[in-house]
Amino acid sequence: EKHNVLGRLLCGTNAMCAGYNLILTGHSLGGGVACVLALLLRKHWRRDWPHLSSRVRCVAFSPPGGLLSRKVAEATAAFTTTVY
């Protein structure tokens, strides 16, 4: 957050990657980390770049069960694809 490298790359004034989507992915615990990171980025970017927050997605391969509470899992369902 301090340097906001991803935000500047994707939607800063001279964004090199303007218009790109950000897809976070991982396997096992990495899939869980990708899901949590996607949730945090969407929340943070919704404030600064509302149009970008909807372009952050997650694909998690065999993430650990019980990683998220039911409420948070339901909130991430719209932007997370889980493959078992």
N, C-alpha and C. Protein backbone atom coordinates (compact mmCIF):
# COMPACT_ATOMS: atom_id res chain seq x y z
N GLU A 1 0.82 -1.19 0.00
CA GLU A 1 0.00 0.00 0.00
C GLU A 1 0.87 1.25 0.00
N LYS A 2 2.03 1.18 0.63
CA LYS A 2 2.88 2.36 0.73
C LYS A 2 3.29 2.88 -0.65
N HIS A 3 3.68 1.98 -1.54
CA HIS A 3 4.14 2.40 -2.86
C HIS A 3 3.06 2.26 -3.93
N ASN A 4 2.08 1.43 -3.67
CA ASN A 4 0.93 1.24 -4.57
C ASN A 4 1.35 0.94 -6.01
N VAL A 5 2.30 0.02 -6.17
CA VAL A 5 2.84 -0.32 -7.48
C VAL A 5 1.75 -0.87 -8.40
N LEU A 6 0.96 -1.79 -7.90
CA LEU A 6 -0.10 -2.37 -8.75
C LEU A 6 -1.11 -1.32 -9.19
N GLY A 7 -1.51 -0.48 -8.29
CA GLY A 7 -2.47 0.57 -8.64
C GLY A 7 -1.93 1.50 -9.71
N ARG A 8 -0.65 1.86 -9.59
CA ARG A 8 -0.05 2.74 -10.59
C ARG A 8 0.09 2.06 -11.94
N LEU A 9 0.42 0.77 -11.94
CA LEU A 9 0.55 0.04 -13.20
C LEU A 9 -0.78 -0.11 -13.92
N LEU A 10 -1.84 -0.34 -13.15
CA LEU A 10 -3.13 -0.63 -13.75
C LEU A 10 -3.99 0.59 -14.02
N CYS A 11 -3.84 1.65 -13.23
CA CYS A 11 -4.75 2.77 -13.44
C CYS A 11 -4.19 4.12 -13.01
N GLY A 12 -2.90 4.24 -12.89
CA GLY A 12 -2.31 5.52 -12.56
C GLY A 12 -2.39 6.48 -13.74
N THR A 13 -1.85 7.66 -13.58
CA THR A 13 -1.89 8.68 -14.62
C THR A 13 -1.28 8.18 -15.93
N ASN A 14 -0.13 7.56 -15.86
CA ASN A 14 0.53 7.00 -17.05
C ASN A 14 0.58 5.48 -16.96
N ALA A 15 -0.54 4.86 -16.66
CA ALA A 15 -0.59 3.42 -16.41
C ALA A 15 -0.13 2.62 -17.62
N MET A 16 0.88 1.79 -17.41
CA MET A 16 1.40 0.93 -18.48
C MET A 16 0.42 -0.18 -18.84
N CYS A 17 -0.39 -0.56 -17.90
CA CYS A 17 -1.28 -1.71 -18.10
C CYS A 17 -2.75 -1.31 -18.00
N ALA A 18 -3.07 -0.10 -18.37
CA ALA A 18 -4.46 0.38 -18.29
C ALA A 18 -5.37 -0.55 -19.08
N GLY A 19 -6.50 -0.90 -18.52
CA GLY A 19 -7.45 -1.76 -19.19
C GLY A 19 -7.24 -3.24 -18.92
N TYR A 20 -6.13 -3.61 -18.28
CA TYR A 20 -5.87 -5.01 -17.96
C TYR A 20 -6.71 -5.45 -16.77
N ASN A 21 -6.98 -6.73 -16.70
CA ASN A 21 -7.58 -7.33 -15.51
C ASN A 21 -6.46 -7.90 -14.65
N LEU A 22 -6.68 -8.00 -13.37
CA LEU A 22 -5.71 -8.61 -12.46
C LEU A 22 -6.32 -9.91 -11.95
N ILE A 23 -5.68 -11.03 -12.28
CA ILE A 23 -6.16 -12.34 -11.83
C ILE A 23 -5.11 -12.91 -10.89
N LEU A 24 -5.49 -13.08 -9.65
CA LEU A 24 -4.61 -13.64 -8.63
C LEU A 24 -4.89 -15.14 -8.55
N THR A 25 -3.85 -15.94 -8.48
CA THR A 25 -4.04 -17.37 -8.45
C THR A 25 -3.05 -18.04 -7.51
N GLY A 26 -3.39 -19.22 -7.07
CA GLY A 26 -2.49 -19.98 -6.21
C GLY A 26 -3.05 -21.36 -5.95
N HIS A 27 -2.19 -22.24 -5.45
CA HIS A 27 -2.58 -23.60 -5.11
C HIS A 27 -2.43 -23.82 -3.62
N SER A 28 -3.38 -24.52 -3.05
CA SER A 28 -3.39 -24.85 -1.63
C SER A 28 -3.38 -23.55 -0.80
N LEU A 29 -2.42 -23.39 0.08
CA LEU A 29 -2.40 -22.18 0.90
C LEU A 29 -2.22 -20.93 0.04
N GLY A 30 -1.49 -21.06 -1.07
CA GLY A 30 -1.34 -19.95 -2.00
C GLY A 30 -2.68 -19.51 -2.59
N GLY A 31 -3.59 -20.46 -2.79
CA GLY A 31 -4.93 -20.13 -3.26
C GLY A 31 -5.70 -19.34 -2.21
N GLY A 32 -5.52 -19.72 -0.95
CA GLY A 32 -6.14 -18.96 0.13
C GLY A 32 -5.59 -17.56 0.23
N VAL A 33 -4.28 -17.43 0.08
CA VAL A 33 -3.63 -16.11 0.11
C VAL A 33 -4.14 -15.27 -1.05
N ALA A 34 -4.26 -15.87 -2.25
CA ALA A 34 -4.75 -15.14 -3.42
C ALA A 34 -6.16 -14.62 -3.18
N CYS A 35 -7.00 -15.42 -2.55
CA CYS A 35 -8.38 -15.02 -2.27
C CYS A 35 -8.42 -13.85 -1.29
N VAL A 36 -7.64 -13.94 -0.22
CA VAL A 36 -7.61 -12.86 0.77
C VAL A 36 -7.02 -11.59 0.15
N LEU A 37 -5.97 -11.73 -0.66
CA LEU A 37 -5.37 -10.57 -1.31
C LEU A 37 -6.35 -9.92 -2.28
N ALA A 38 -7.09 -10.73 -3.03
CA ALA A 38 -8.11 -10.17 -3.94
C ALA A 38 -9.16 -9.39 -3.15
N LEU A 39 -9.57 -9.93 -2.04
CA LEU A 39 -10.56 -9.25 -1.19
C LEU A 39 -10.01 -7.90 -0.70
N LEU A 40 -8.78 -7.88 -0.24
CA LEU A 40 -8.18 -6.65 0.26
C LEU A 40 -7.96 -5.62 -0.85
N LEU A 41 -7.48 -6.07 -2.01
CA LEU A 41 -7.26 -5.14 -3.12
C LEU A 41 -8.57 -4.53 -3.60
N ARG A 42 -9.61 -5.36 -3.72
CA ARG A 42 -10.90 -4.83 -4.17
C ARG A 42 -11.43 -3.78 -3.18
N LYS A 43 -11.28 -4.07 -1.90
CA LYS A 43 -11.74 -3.12 -0.89
C LYS A 43 -10.95 -1.81 -0.97
N HIS A 44 -9.64 -1.93 -1.05
CA HIS A 44 -8.79 -0.73 -1.10
C HIS A 44 -9.02 0.07 -2.38
N TRP A 45 -9.07 -0.62 -3.51
CA TRP A 45 -9.22 0.08 -4.79
C TRP A 45 -10.61 0.61 -5.02
N ARG A 46 -11.61 0.03 -4.36
CA ARG A 46 -12.98 0.55 -4.49
C ARG A 46 -13.04 2.01 -4.06
N ARG A 47 -12.20 2.35 -3.10
CA ARG A 47 -12.15 3.72 -2.59
C ARG A 47 -11.45 4.65 -3.59
N ASP A 48 -10.32 4.22 -4.15
CA ASP A 48 -9.50 5.08 -5.02
C ASP A 48 -9.83 4.96 -6.51
N TRP A 49 -10.10 3.74 -6.96
CA TRP A 49 -10.39 3.49 -8.38
C TRP A 49 -11.57 2.53 -8.48
N PRO A 50 -12.79 3.01 -8.31
CA PRO A 50 -13.95 2.12 -8.30
C PRO A 50 -14.06 1.26 -9.56
N HIS A 51 -13.66 1.79 -10.70
CA HIS A 51 -13.77 1.02 -11.94
C HIS A 51 -12.78 -0.14 -11.98
N LEU A 52 -11.69 -0.08 -11.22
CA LEU A 52 -10.70 -1.14 -11.23
C LEU A 52 -11.04 -2.27 -10.28
N SER A 53 -11.70 -1.98 -9.19
CA SER A 53 -11.95 -3.00 -8.19
C SER A 53 -12.74 -4.18 -8.77
N SER A 54 -13.60 -3.93 -9.73
CA SER A 54 -14.38 -5.03 -10.32
C SER A 54 -13.55 -5.85 -11.30
N ARG A 55 -12.33 -5.43 -11.62
CA ARG A 55 -11.48 -6.18 -12.55
C ARG A 55 -10.45 -7.04 -11.83
N VAL A 56 -10.56 -7.15 -10.51
CA VAL A 56 -9.69 -8.02 -9.72
C VAL A 56 -10.44 -9.33 -9.48
N ARG A 57 -9.83 -10.44 -9.90
CA ARG A 57 -10.45 -11.76 -9.75
C ARG A 57 -9.45 -12.72 -9.13
N CYS A 58 -9.96 -13.85 -8.67
CA CYS A 58 -9.11 -14.86 -8.05
C CYS A 58 -9.49 -16.24 -8.59
N VAL A 59 -8.48 -17.05 -8.88
CA VAL A 59 -8.67 -18.46 -9.20
C VAL A 59 -7.83 -19.23 -8.19
N ALA A 60 -8.49 -20.00 -7.35
CA ALA A 60 -7.81 -20.74 -6.28
C ALA A 60 -7.92 -22.24 -6.55
N PHE A 61 -6.77 -22.90 -6.60
CA PHE A 61 -6.73 -24.34 -6.81
C PHE A 61 -6.55 -25.05 -5.47
N SER A 62 -7.54 -25.83 -5.09
CA SER A 62 -7.53 -26.59 -3.83
C SER A 62 -7.14 -25.76 -2.61
N PRO A 63 -7.85 -24.64 -2.38
CA PRO A 63 -7.53 -23.85 -1.19
C PRO A 63 -7.96 -24.60 0.07
N PRO A 64 -7.35 -24.29 1.20
CA PRO A 64 -7.72 -24.99 2.43
C PRO A 64 -9.15 -24.68 2.85
N GLY A 65 -9.87 -25.70 3.25
CA GLY A 65 -11.24 -25.51 3.74
C GLY A 65 -11.22 -24.79 5.08
N GLY A 66 -12.23 -24.00 5.32
CA GLY A 66 -12.33 -23.30 6.59
C GLY A 66 -11.43 -22.09 6.72
N LEU A 67 -10.83 -21.67 5.62
CA LEU A 67 -9.93 -20.51 5.67
C LEU A 67 -10.70 -19.23 5.98
N LEU A 68 -11.88 -19.11 5.40
CA LEU A 68 -12.69 -17.90 5.55
C LEU A 68 -13.96 -18.23 6.31
N SER A 69 -14.50 -17.24 7.00
CA SER A 69 -15.80 -17.44 7.63
C SER A 69 -16.86 -17.57 6.54
N ARG A 70 -18.02 -18.08 6.86
CA ARG A 70 -19.08 -18.25 5.87
C ARG A 70 -19.44 -16.91 5.23
N LYS A 71 -19.53 -15.87 6.03
CA LYS A 71 -19.89 -14.54 5.52
C LYS A 71 -18.85 -14.03 4.52
N VAL A 72 -17.57 -14.17 4.84
CA VAL A 72 -16.51 -13.71 3.95
C VAL A 72 -16.45 -14.59 2.70
N ALA A 73 -16.64 -15.89 2.86
CA ALA A 73 -16.65 -16.79 1.71
C ALA A 73 -17.77 -16.42 0.74
N GLU A 74 -18.93 -16.08 1.26
CA GLU A 74 -20.04 -15.66 0.40
C GLU A 74 -19.72 -14.33 -0.29
N ALA A 75 -19.02 -13.44 0.40
CA ALA A 75 -18.66 -12.15 -0.19
C ALA A 75 -17.63 -12.31 -1.32
N THR A 76 -16.77 -13.31 -1.22
CA THR A 76 -15.75 -13.52 -2.24
C THR A 76 -16.24 -14.37 -3.41
N ALA A 77 -17.39 -14.98 -3.28
CA ALA A 77 -17.90 -15.89 -4.31
C ALA A 77 -18.10 -15.20 -5.67
N ALA A 78 -18.39 -13.92 -5.66
CA ALA A 78 -18.66 -13.19 -6.91
C ALA A 78 -17.41 -13.00 -7.76
N PHE A 79 -16.22 -13.03 -7.13
CA PHE A 79 -14.99 -12.78 -7.89
C PHE A 79 -13.94 -13.89 -7.72
N THR A 80 -14.32 -15.00 -7.09
CA THR A 80 -13.39 -16.10 -6.89
C THR A 80 -13.91 -17.38 -7.52
N THR A 81 -13.04 -18.04 -8.27
CA THR A 81 -13.35 -19.36 -8.81
C THR A 81 -12.45 -20.35 -8.09
N THR A 82 -13.07 -21.39 -7.54
CA THR A 82 -12.32 -22.41 -6.81
C THR A 82 -12.35 -23.71 -7.60
N VAL A 83 -11.18 -24.29 -7.78
CA VAL A 83 -11.04 -25.56 -8.51
C VAL A 83 -10.48 -26.59 -7.55
N TYR A 84 -11.21 -27.71 -7.39
CA TYR A 84 -10.74 -28.79 -6.49
C TYR A 84 -10.27 -29.97 -7.29
